[in-house]
């Protein structure tokens, strides 16, 4: 059995629900990314802040406890789909750990945009990683989306 980590960023809680369910299903450790300064909890303000940070390619400092990423065979990396991209805390995590990854599987919660550019972002930030096709999760069908993906792709976890 492979050692698996689920890493995620969630502002409004939807991605957190998905990450917790995914970690439980695949028997993974769980790491929530916490930026030093988080986005506003007001939706409209958060959208403006996020758009600006994505345009500037800003990577916030993360204040998580340090863990040995190299001990994991496979890492699920997820966040909400913000303008077809991972949120900046995910980009910070990818940049800071890119040489330590073996296999990465992206996942996102979205309102219709799917994975957007997220797989491409991983390929750009983590050059020598094995990338597995990810999971796009609708907020209304979190468990169904994850269960369906695992039914088709679950053999990669063994």
Foldseek 3Di string as FASTA:
>chain_A
DFAEEEEEEEQQCLVVVLSVVLCVVLVYHYHYWAFPDDFDSPVVRSLVVQVVCVVVVPAGDTDTDDDQLLRGQEYEYEEAQRVLEHGRPSLNVLQVCLVRAAEYAYEYEYDPNFNRCHQVSNCVRRVNYHYDYYFYAYSVQSPVRSVVCCVVPVVVSD
